[in-house]
Structure formats: C-alpha cells, structure tokens
Amino acid sequence: MFYKLKPFTSSSSFSISYKDPLKVPVQIEISKDTIYMTVHVEFDPVYLLPIDRTDTKDVLLKSKPEGYTYADAFVEGIKSHWAKHYIFEGTRTPVVVKMNVIRKDDPDAVFDPKQRFFLVRHTTVSKTSFVTSPVWRMGWGFLLTGCPEAAMINWSLTYPGTINMNDYSRISSFMSVASHEFGHVLGVGDAYGAHYRCFYEAPGTENYIMNNSGNVNPRELEMVLRAHETGKMQYFPYKVSIPRFLKNTLGKLKK
C-alpha cells in the first residue's frame, strides 16, 4: 500500500540497518539528502558474452563499444532508471540516489567471500521477464501476507529473488524491463493489472516503473526504503473482483 510521505530531510526519516550485511545482496544507506545503494549481482554466463550485432537495426546497441554484454546493459539500465534525483512530497531539497554495483564476475571487485549476491539469468520459459524466490520459499509467502503476488516472490532482505530475463529486440527494452524487475529485488510489488492482482491496476501509476516500466516515481523509492526499514515487501493496493478476473481470463483464452 501507499504510505504518507514523510519529510525527507535526514537519515532519521528512515531507520535502515542490517543484522548481517553479508547476507543482504542489496544494501541501502542514507546520509542527509543522499541514498546510497550497494548492489551485489551475479550474472548468468550467457549474459557475460558480447551481444551479437549481426544485422541489428538497434541504434542504441550500435553506439555501444565492442564487447558490450547484456550484463553491461543490465547495470546501465538500473543505474539510469534508479540512480537519479528525486523530489519528495512536501520537500524542496532534491534527494539523490547513488548506486554502486558490484559484479561477481568483475576480477577487480572487492567483496567478502561470504557476501550473498542475487542472480540475473536468461530464460525462455515465458514470453515475459519475472522474479522468483527459491523453490523452498515459494507458496508460503501468500500465507504470511495474504497477497497472491507473494506466492512466487516471497521477498526478504536476505532472499530478494532471482531475476529471469527474456529476450528483447532492442537493448533499450531490455534495460527498461530489467529496471522494473530490479524494483522487485528492491522490495516493491507490481502496479499493473496482472492476473495475480485480479487484473487491477493501481490508480495513478500509469507512468511508474512498476507499472509499464516507465520512470521511477518518488513514491516507489519510498516503498523501497520502507521495505528495507521493515524487512517486508511493499505492495500496491489491489481489489479482488471475481467478475473482472473471469472476464479478463476468458478474454485471454479466446485470443
């Protein structure tokens, strides 16, 4: 749900700490008007290979250096969407998010051998990209929260999920979707009318990153901070409607 935004003036606005940081893949630290995100990520070996540029019409991809990989695109995508300036409601001072991405495949990266990373892997089992929790965490998240979305993404600070990325014709689409899926790893649910939301779109979220992979809204950033403060995934409001669910489900089956 949405929470009333607090005046964001110092680290006292949110109290974020981790009992064992080595078990937390994504960590947040707040200092005055700056939010620091430290992201520990491991990539599927396929994403470490140079992207094939044969017969591509992707202008953005052509502008990238030789050897550019999907891992590079992922990092560039989440930084461009999440690491920026925000204006919180009721404040005038911009809040800036700075992101340090530590890749497990980087030979120059410095990290504790016990540090936990979240995984980004390639998948073709679905036409869409998605985030899943380990099999042993699936299902019982619904029992804890009552939210259907929690059945597949049973989020926690120590187990934020695995990002499963599908193929996209343009690198810009890959970056945008990656940023949406990264929002789940940060602790935020979907806002669009997914089947597990009974096809209910959260009002006023049309341009949110968690709706149609648009732009990160300050409210979404606040939901991330709430998730890391409470250790609980933050969900957008949804309404259960059997008639709406049946209507949309039957409509999809007819297609």
C-alpha atoms as a PDB file:
ATOM      1  CA  MET A   1       0.000   0.000   0.000  1.00  0.00           C
ATOM      2  CA  PHE A   2       0.979   3.642  -0.259  1.00  0.00           C
ATOM      3  CA  TYR A   3       2.207   5.352   2.876  1.00  0.00           C
ATOM      4  CA  LYS A   4       2.002   9.030   3.718  1.00  0.00           C
ATOM      5  CA  LEU A   5       5.309  10.514   2.677  1.00  0.00           C
ATOM      6  CA  LYS A   6       7.465  11.833   5.486  1.00  0.00           C
ATOM      7  CA  PRO A   7       9.565  14.985   5.145  1.00  0.00           C
ATOM      8  CA  PHE A   8      12.825  13.602   3.812  1.00  0.00           C
ATOM      9  CA  THR A   9      15.483  15.775   5.408  1.00  0.00           C
ATOM     10  CA  SER A  10      17.906  13.392   7.114  1.00  0.00           C
ATOM     11  CA  SER A  11      18.667   9.769   7.846  1.00  0.00           C
ATOM     12  CA  SER A  12      16.207   9.991  10.765  1.00  0.00           C
ATOM     13  CA  SER A  13      13.349   9.833   8.238  1.00  0.00           C
ATOM     14  CA  PHE A  14      14.008   6.119   7.843  1.00  0.00           C
ATOM     15  CA  SER A  15      15.849   3.718  10.097  1.00  0.00           C
ATOM     16  CA  ILE A  16      17.607   1.123   7.953  1.00  0.00           C
ATOM     17  CA  SER A  17      20.090  -1.368   9.349  1.00  0.00           C
ATOM     18  CA  TYR A  18      21.072  -4.961   8.610  1.00  0.00           C
ATOM     19  CA  LYS A  19      21.791  -7.605  11.217  1.00  0.00           C
ATOM     20  CA  ASP A  20      24.218  -9.389   8.889  1.00  0.00           C
ATOM     21  CA  PRO A  21      25.081  -7.270   5.800  1.00  0.00           C
ATOM     22  CA  LEU A  22      26.932 -10.199   4.198  1.00  0.00           C
ATOM     23  CA  LYS A  23      23.590 -11.959   3.760  1.00  0.00           C
ATOM     24  CA  VAL A  24      21.912  -8.929   2.155  1.00  0.00           C
ATOM     25  CA  PRO A  25      22.563  -8.634  -1.616  1.00  0.00           C
ATOM     26  CA  VAL A  26      21.221  -5.083  -1.921  1.00  0.00           C
ATOM     27  CA  GLN A  27      22.023  -2.664   0.882  1.00  0.00           C
ATOM     28  CA  ILE A  28      20.837   0.902   1.445  1.00  0.00           C
ATOM     29  CA  GLU A  29      22.483   3.648   3.454  1.00  0.00           C
ATOM     30  CA  ILE A  30      21.098   7.156   3.909  1.00  0.00           C
ATOM     31  CA  SER A  31      23.212  10.215   4.649  1.00  0.00           C
ATOM     32  CA  LYS A  32      21.388  13.552   4.730  1.00  0.00           C
ATOM     33  CA  ASP A  33      19.992  14.058   1.223  1.00  0.00           C
ATOM     34  CA  THR A  34      21.803  11.107  -0.392  1.00  0.00           C
ATOM     35  CA  ILE A  35      20.712   7.481  -0.650  1.00  0.00           C
ATOM     36  CA  TYR A  36      23.494   5.000  -1.330  1.00  0.00           C
ATOM     37  CA  MET A  37      22.596   1.624  -2.866  1.00  0.00           C
ATOM     38  CA  THR A  38      25.189  -1.123  -2.899  1.00  0.00           C
ATOM     39  CA  VAL A  39      24.115  -3.831  -5.311  1.00  0.00           C
ATOM     40  CA  HIS A  40      25.766  -7.271  -5.351  1.00  0.00           C
ATOM     41  CA  VAL A  41      24.792  -9.100  -8.536  1.00  0.00           C
ATOM     42  CA  GLU A  42      25.787 -12.341 -10.253  1.00  0.00           C
ATOM     43  CA  PHE A  43      25.053 -12.894 -13.953  1.00  0.00           C
ATOM     44  CA  ASP A  44      24.204 -15.954 -15.983  1.00  0.00           C
ATOM     45  CA  PRO A  45      27.357 -16.820 -18.018  1.00  0.00           C
ATOM     46  CA  VAL A  46      25.321 -16.209 -21.190  1.00  0.00           C
ATOM     47  CA  TYR A  47      24.999 -12.556 -20.209  1.00  0.00           C
ATOM     48  CA  LEU A  48      28.756 -12.177 -19.995  1.00  0.00           C
ATOM     49  CA  LEU A  49      29.192 -12.846 -23.715  1.00  0.00           C
ATOM     50  CA  PRO A  50      29.298  -9.961 -26.237  1.00  0.00           C
ATOM     51  CA  ILE A  51      25.901  -9.200 -27.748  1.00  0.00           C
ATOM     52  CA  ASP A  52      25.525 -10.363 -31.338  1.00  0.00           C
ATOM     53  CA  ARG A  53      25.230  -7.309 -33.580  1.00  0.00           C
ATOM     54  CA  THR A  54      24.679  -9.194 -36.819  1.00  0.00           C
ATOM     55  CA  ASP A  55      22.075  -7.408 -38.960  1.00  0.00           C
ATOM     56  CA  THR A  56      20.884  -5.368 -35.984  1.00  0.00           C
ATOM     57  CA  LYS A  57      18.861  -2.200 -36.501  1.00  0.00           C
ATOM     58  CA  ASP A  58      19.202  -1.202 -32.869  1.00  0.00           C
ATOM     59  CA  VAL A  59      20.727   2.292 -32.952  1.00  0.00           C
ATOM     60  CA  LEU A  60      21.438   2.305 -29.211  1.00  0.00           C
ATOM     61  CA  LEU A  61      23.258  -1.008 -29.371  1.00  0.00           C
ATOM     62  CA  LYS A  62      25.356   0.230 -32.297  1.00  0.00           C
ATOM     63  CA  SER A  63      26.520   3.124 -30.118  1.00  0.00           C
ATOM     64  CA  LYS A  64      27.946   0.761 -27.513  1.00  0.00           C
ATOM     65  CA  PRO A  65      31.598  -0.355 -27.535  1.00  0.00           C
ATOM     66  CA  GLU A  66      32.692  -3.704 -28.896  1.00  0.00           C
ATOM     67  CA  GLY A  67      32.301  -6.487 -26.360  1.00  0.00           C
ATOM     68  CA  TYR A  68      29.197  -4.890 -24.818  1.00  0.00           C
ATOM     69  CA  THR A  69      27.203  -7.557 -22.942  1.00  0.00           C
ATOM     70  CA  TYR A  70      23.709  -7.972 -21.523  1.00  0.00           C
ATOM     71  CA  ALA A  71      25.316  -7.770 -18.083  1.00  0.00           C
ATOM     72  CA  ASP A  72      26.618  -4.326 -19.050  1.00  0.00           C
ATOM     73  CA  ALA A  73      23.151  -3.383 -20.311  1.00  0.00           C
ATOM     74  CA  PHE A  74      21.540  -4.548 -17.075  1.00  0.00           C
ATOM     75  CA  VAL A  75      23.854  -2.439 -14.933  1.00  0.00           C
ATOM     76  CA  GLU A  76      23.493   0.573 -17.212  1.00  0.00           C
ATOM     77  CA  GLY A  77      19.724   0.174 -17.208  1.00  0.00           C
ATOM     78  CA  ILE A  78      19.176   0.031 -13.448  1.00  0.00           C
ATOM     79  CA  LYS A  79      21.558   2.919 -12.875  1.00  0.00           C
ATOM     80  CA  SER A  80      19.882   5.153 -15.470  1.00  0.00           C
ATOM     81  CA  HIS A  81      16.416   4.439 -14.060  1.00  0.00           C
ATOM     82  CA  TRP A  82      17.025   4.346 -10.308  1.00  0.00           C
ATOM     83  CA  ALA A  83      20.175   6.396  -9.638  1.00  0.00           C
ATOM     84  CA  LYS A  84      18.936   9.946 -10.121  1.00  0.00           C
ATOM     85  CA  HIS A  85      17.477  12.974  -8.308  1.00  0.00           C
ATOM     86  CA  TYR A  86      14.057  12.841  -6.639  1.00  0.00           C
ATOM     87  CA  ILE A  87      11.789  15.427  -5.065  1.00  0.00           C
ATOM     88  CA  PHE A  88       9.725  14.025  -2.222  1.00  0.00           C
ATOM     89  CA  GLU A  89       6.292  15.431  -1.489  1.00  0.00           C
ATOM     90  CA  GLY A  90       6.484  18.296   0.966  1.00  0.00           C
ATOM     91  CA  THR A  91      10.173  18.961   0.361  1.00  0.00           C
ATOM     92  CA  ARG A  92      12.183  21.282  -1.853  1.00  0.00           C
ATOM     93  CA  THR A  93      15.632  19.773  -1.474  1.00  0.00           C
ATOM     94  CA  PRO A  94      16.385  17.113  -4.106  1.00  0.00           C
ATOM     95  CA  VAL A  95      17.310  13.662  -2.868  1.00  0.00           C
ATOM     96  CA  VAL A  96      19.909  11.853  -4.942  1.00  0.00           C
ATOM     97  CA  VAL A  97      20.320   8.103  -5.263  1.00  0.00           C
ATOM     98  CA  LYS A  98      23.858   6.872  -5.913  1.00  0.00           C
ATOM     99  CA  MET A  99      24.419   3.259  -6.859  1.00  0.00           C
ATOM    100  CA  ASN A 100      27.489   1.078  -6.549  1.00  0.00           C
ATOM    101  CA  VAL A 101      27.071  -2.159  -8.490  1.00  0.00           C
ATOM    102  CA  ILE A 102      29.455  -4.930  -7.501  1.00  0.00           C
ATOM    103  CA  ARG A 103      29.535  -7.714 -10.096  1.00  0.00           C
ATOM    104  CA  LYS A 104      30.660 -11.158  -9.030  1.00  0.00           C
ATOM    105  CA  ASP A 105      32.359 -11.629 -12.410  1.00  0.00           C
ATOM    106  CA  ASP A 106      34.440  -8.461 -12.065  1.00  0.00           C
ATOM    107  CA  PRO A 107      38.051  -9.518 -11.349  1.00  0.00           C
ATOM    108  CA  ASP A 108      38.732  -6.114  -9.804  1.00  0.00           C
ATOM    109  CA  ALA A 109      35.701  -6.117  -7.500  1.00  0.00           C
ATOM    110  CA  VAL A 110      36.410  -6.168  -3.776  1.00  0.00           C
ATOM    111  CA  PHE A 111      33.973  -8.089  -1.585  1.00  0.00           C
ATOM    112  CA  ASP A 112      33.900 -10.564   1.274  1.00  0.00           C
ATOM    113  CA  PRO A 113      33.874 -14.207   0.059  1.00  0.00           C
ATOM    114  CA  LYS A 114      30.777 -14.756   2.218  1.00  0.00           C
ATOM    115  CA  GLN A 115      28.835 -11.921   0.591  1.00  0.00           C
ATOM    116  CA  ARG A 116      25.483 -13.015  -0.849  1.00  0.00           C
ATOM    117  CA  PHE A 117      24.594 -11.958  -4.419  1.00  0.00           C
ATOM    118  CA  PHE A 118      21.278 -12.037  -6.270  1.00  0.00           C
ATOM    119  CA  LEU A 119      21.221 -13.737  -9.655  1.00  0.00           C
ATOM    120  CA  VAL A 120      20.206 -12.440 -13.096  1.00  0.00           C
ATOM    121  CA  ARG A 121      19.700 -15.299 -15.509  1.00  0.00           C
ATOM    122  CA  HIS A 122      18.459 -15.819 -19.046  1.00  0.00           C
ATOM    123  CA  THR A 123      15.156 -17.617 -19.547  1.00  0.00           C
ATOM    124  CA  THR A 124      12.856 -18.604 -22.393  1.00  0.00           C
ATOM    125  CA  VAL A 125      10.205 -20.424 -20.335  1.00  0.00           C
ATOM    126  CA  SER A 126       7.913 -17.404 -20.599  1.00  0.00           C
ATOM    127  CA  LYS A 127       7.305 -14.560 -23.035  1.00  0.00           C
ATOM    128  CA  THR A 128       7.858 -12.140 -20.190  1.00  0.00           C
ATOM    129  CA  SER A 129      10.572 -11.492 -17.618  1.00  0.00           C
ATOM    130  CA  PHE A 130       9.890 -12.191 -13.960  1.00  0.00           C
ATOM    131  CA  VAL A 131      11.363 -12.571 -10.485  1.00  0.00           C
ATOM    132  CA  THR A 132      11.156 -15.761  -8.450  1.00  0.00           C
ATOM    133  CA  SER A 133      12.144 -16.778  -4.970  1.00  0.00           C
ATOM    134  CA  PRO A 134      13.961 -20.060  -4.322  1.00  0.00           C
ATOM    135  CA  VAL A 135      11.608 -23.042  -4.669  1.00  0.00           C
ATOM    136  CA  TRP A 136      11.685 -23.679  -0.939  1.00  0.00           C
ATOM    137  CA  ARG A 137      10.361 -20.142  -0.311  1.00  0.00           C
ATOM    138  CA  MET A 138       7.500 -20.293  -2.823  1.00  0.00           C
ATOM    139  CA  GLY A 139       3.898 -20.605  -1.738  1.00  0.00           C
ATOM    140  CA  TRP A 140       4.086 -19.865   1.965  1.00  0.00           C
ATOM    141  CA  GLY A 141       4.654 -16.150   1.300  1.00  0.00           C
ATOM    142  CA  PHE A 142       0.965 -15.962   0.420  1.00  0.00           C
ATOM    143  CA  LEU A 143       0.056 -17.461   3.793  1.00  0.00           C
ATOM    144  CA  LEU A 144       2.098 -14.777   5.556  1.00  0.00           C
ATOM    145  CA  THR A 145       0.822 -11.755   3.634  1.00  0.00           C
ATOM    146  CA  GLY A 146      -2.466 -12.762   2.031  1.00  0.00           C
ATOM    147  CA  CYS A 147      -1.172 -11.221  -1.200  1.00  0.00           C
ATOM    148  CA  PRO A 148      -1.260 -13.551  -4.254  1.00  0.00           C
ATOM    149  CA  GLU A 149       1.912 -11.906  -5.589  1.00  0.00           C
ATOM    150  CA  ALA A 150       3.822 -13.200  -2.570  1.00  0.00           C
ATOM    151  CA  ALA A 151       3.280 -16.816  -3.630  1.00  0.00           C
ATOM    152  CA  MET A 152       6.024 -16.564  -6.268  1.00  0.00           C
ATOM    153  CA  ILE A 153       8.055 -13.677  -4.844  1.00  0.00           C
ATOM    154  CA  ASN A 154       8.393 -14.414  -1.143  1.00  0.00           C
ATOM    155  CA  TRP A 155      10.705 -11.419  -0.665  1.00  0.00           C
ATOM    156  CA  SER A 156      13.091 -10.809   2.190  1.00  0.00           C
ATOM    157  CA  LEU A 157      16.216  -8.715   2.668  1.00  0.00           C
ATOM    158  CA  THR A 158      18.387 -11.830   2.560  1.00  0.00           C
ATOM    159  CA  TYR A 159      16.461 -13.548  -0.266  1.00  0.00           C
ATOM    160  CA  PRO A 160      15.222 -10.764  -2.572  1.00  0.00           C
ATOM    161  CA  GLY A 161      14.735 -13.103  -5.526  1.00  0.00           C
ATOM    162  CA  THR A 162      16.249 -14.149  -8.844  1.00  0.00           C
ATOM    163  CA  ILE A 163      15.626 -12.054 -11.959  1.00  0.00           C
ATOM    164  CA  ASN A 164      14.719 -14.130 -15.021  1.00  0.00           C
ATOM    165  CA  MET A 165      15.181 -12.043 -18.169  1.00  0.00           C
ATOM    166  CA  ASN A 166      13.698 -12.895 -21.553  1.00  0.00           C
ATOM    167  CA  ASP A 167      14.947 -11.775 -24.976  1.00  0.00           C
ATOM    168  CA  TYR A 168      14.083  -8.345 -26.367  1.00  0.00           C
ATOM    169  CA  SER A 169      14.560  -6.988 -29.860  1.00  0.00           C
ATOM    170  CA  ARG A 170      16.021  -3.703 -28.601  1.00  0.00           C
ATOM    171  CA  ILE A 171      18.561  -3.121 -25.869  1.00  0.00           C
ATOM    172  CA  SER A 172      16.540  -0.161 -24.563  1.00  0.00           C
ATOM    173  CA  SER A 173      13.614  -2.526 -23.889  1.00  0.00           C
ATOM    174  CA  PHE A 174      15.935  -4.921 -22.065  1.00  0.00           C
ATOM    175  CA  MET A 175      17.186  -2.057 -19.870  1.00  0.00           C
ATOM    176  CA  SER A 176      13.684  -0.841 -19.082  1.00  0.00           C
ATOM    177  CA  VAL A 177      12.348  -4.283 -18.170  1.00  0.00           C
ATOM    178  CA  ALA A 178      15.491  -5.042 -16.153  1.00  0.00           C
ATOM    179  CA  SER A 179      14.852  -1.878 -14.120  1.00  0.00           C
ATOM    180  CA  HIS A 180      11.274  -2.993 -13.468  1.00  0.00           C
ATOM    181  CA  GLU A 181      12.390  -6.435 -12.315  1.00  0.00           C
ATOM    182  CA  PHE A 182      15.108  -4.849 -10.188  1.00  0.00           C
ATOM    183  CA  GLY A 183      12.305  -2.977  -8.410  1.00  0.00           C
ATOM    184  CA  HIS A 184      11.042  -6.359  -7.167  1.00  0.00           C
ATOM    185  CA  VAL A 185      14.509  -7.233  -5.873  1.00  0.00           C
ATOM    186  CA  LEU A 186      14.442  -3.895  -4.044  1.00  0.00           C
ATOM    187  CA  GLY A 187      11.186  -4.933  -2.356  1.00  0.00           C
ATOM    188  CA  VAL A 188       8.345  -3.412  -4.413  1.00  0.00           C
ATOM    189  CA  GLY A 189       5.387  -5.243  -5.953  1.00  0.00           C
ATOM    190  CA  ASP A 190       3.716  -4.749  -9.325  1.00  0.00           C
ATOM    191  CA  ALA A 191       1.324  -1.893 -10.046  1.00  0.00           C
ATOM    192  CA  TYR A 192      -0.103  -3.041 -13.391  1.00  0.00           C
ATOM    193  CA  GLY A 193      -3.185  -5.206 -13.832  1.00  0.00           C
ATOM    194  CA  ALA A 194      -1.536  -8.606 -13.611  1.00  0.00           C
ATOM    195  CA  HIS A 195      -3.628 -11.765 -13.245  1.00  0.00           C
ATOM    196  CA  TYR A 196      -2.379 -12.216  -9.654  1.00  0.00           C
ATOM    197  CA  ARG A 197      -3.694  -8.706  -8.958  1.00  0.00           C
ATOM    198  CA  CYS A 198      -7.098  -9.740 -10.371  1.00  0.00           C
ATOM    199  CA  PHE A 199      -6.250  -7.512 -13.358  1.00  0.00           C
ATOM    200  CA  TYR A 200      -6.473  -4.420 -11.128  1.00  0.00           C
ATOM    201  CA  GLU A 201      -4.134  -1.534 -11.969  1.00  0.00           C
ATOM    202  CA  ALA A 202      -3.117   0.660  -9.033  1.00  0.00           C
ATOM    203  CA  PRO A 203      -4.649   4.125  -9.673  1.00  0.00           C
ATOM    204  CA  GLY A 204      -2.289   6.916 -10.723  1.00  0.00           C
ATOM    205  CA  THR A 205       0.621   4.607 -11.525  1.00  0.00           C
ATOM    206  CA  GLU A 206       0.435   4.668 -15.321  1.00  0.00           C
ATOM    207  CA  ASN A 207       3.963   6.051 -15.695  1.00  0.00           C
ATOM    208  CA  TYR A 208       5.574   4.185 -12.801  1.00  0.00           C
ATOM    209  CA  ILE A 209       8.475   1.796 -13.338  1.00  0.00           C
ATOM    210  CA  MET A 210       6.464  -0.923 -11.565  1.00  0.00           C
ATOM    211  CA  ASN A 211       3.537  -0.482 -13.939  1.00  0.00           C
ATOM    212  CA  ASN A 212       4.636  -0.190 -17.546  1.00  0.00           C
ATOM    213  CA  SER A 213       8.393   0.058 -16.973  1.00  0.00           C
ATOM    214  CA  GLY A 214       8.176   3.848 -17.144  1.00  0.00           C
ATOM    215  CA  ASN A 215      10.011   6.169 -14.753  1.00  0.00           C
ATOM    216  CA  VAL A 216      10.803   5.578 -11.095  1.00  0.00           C
ATOM    217  CA  ASN A 217       8.437   7.733  -9.050  1.00  0.00           C
ATOM    218  CA  PRO A 218       9.428   9.127  -5.625  1.00  0.00           C
ATOM    219  CA  ARG A 219       6.622   7.043  -4.123  1.00  0.00           C
ATOM    220  CA  GLU A 220       8.273   3.901  -5.464  1.00  0.00           C
ATOM    221  CA  LEU A 221      11.595   4.942  -3.960  1.00  0.00           C
ATOM    222  CA  GLU A 222       9.862   5.485  -0.643  1.00  0.00           C
ATOM    223  CA  MET A 223       8.363   1.991  -0.897  1.00  0.00           C
ATOM    224  CA  VAL A 224      11.915   0.661  -1.349  1.00  0.00           C
ATOM    225  CA  LEU A 225      13.036   2.467   1.793  1.00  0.00           C
ATOM    226  CA  ARG A 226      10.012   1.123   3.685  1.00  0.00           C
ATOM    227  CA  ALA A 227      10.825  -2.397   2.536  1.00  0.00           C
ATOM    228  CA  HIS A 228      14.383  -2.116   3.806  1.00  0.00           C
ATOM    229  CA  GLU A 229      13.263  -0.442   7.012  1.00  0.00           C
ATOM    230  CA  THR A 230      10.632  -3.064   7.852  1.00  0.00           C
ATOM    231  CA  GLY A 231      12.048  -6.118   6.096  1.00  0.00           C
ATOM    232  CA  LYS A 232       8.682  -6.562   4.349  1.00  0.00           C
ATOM    233  CA  MET A 233       7.866  -6.258   0.648  1.00  0.00           C
ATOM    234  CA  GLN A 234       5.692  -3.258  -0.187  1.00  0.00           C
ATOM    235  CA  TYR A 235       2.630  -3.867  -2.377  1.00  0.00           C
ATOM    236  CA  PHE A 236       0.469  -1.506  -4.365  1.00  0.00           C
ATOM    237  CA  PRO A 237      -3.234  -1.577  -3.425  1.00  0.00           C
ATOM    238  CA  TYR A 238      -5.370  -4.061  -5.336  1.00  0.00           C
ATOM    239  CA  LYS A 239      -9.018  -5.072  -5.364  1.00  0.00           C
ATOM    240  CA  VAL A 240     -10.360  -8.576  -5.729  1.00  0.00           C
ATOM    241  CA  SER A 241     -13.159  -8.868  -8.281  1.00  0.00           C
ATOM    242  CA  ILE A 242     -14.245 -12.302  -9.472  1.00  0.00           C
ATOM    243  CA  PRO A 243     -16.268 -10.895 -12.431  1.00  0.00           C
ATOM    244  CA  ARG A 244     -13.281  -8.812 -13.590  1.00  0.00           C
ATOM    245  CA  PHE A 245     -10.929 -11.756 -13.169  1.00  0.00           C
ATOM    246  CA  LEU A 246     -13.184 -14.099 -15.153  1.00  0.00           C
ATOM    247  CA  LYS A 247     -13.793 -11.505 -17.878  1.00  0.00           C
ATOM    248  CA  ASN A 248     -10.084 -10.874 -18.428  1.00  0.00           C
ATOM    249  CA  THR A 249      -9.163 -14.549 -18.152  1.00  0.00           C
ATOM    250  CA  LEU A 250     -11.778 -15.616 -20.691  1.00  0.00           C
ATOM    251  CA  GLY A 251     -10.692 -12.761 -22.972  1.00  0.00           C
ATOM    252  CA  LYS A 252      -7.111 -14.015 -22.934  1.00  0.00           C
ATOM    253  CA  LEU A 253      -8.201 -17.604 -23.605  1.00  0.00           C
ATOM    254  CA  LYS A 254     -10.189 -16.518 -26.669  1.00  0.00           C
ATOM    255  CA  LYS A 255      -7.060 -14.899 -28.107  1.00  0.00           C
END
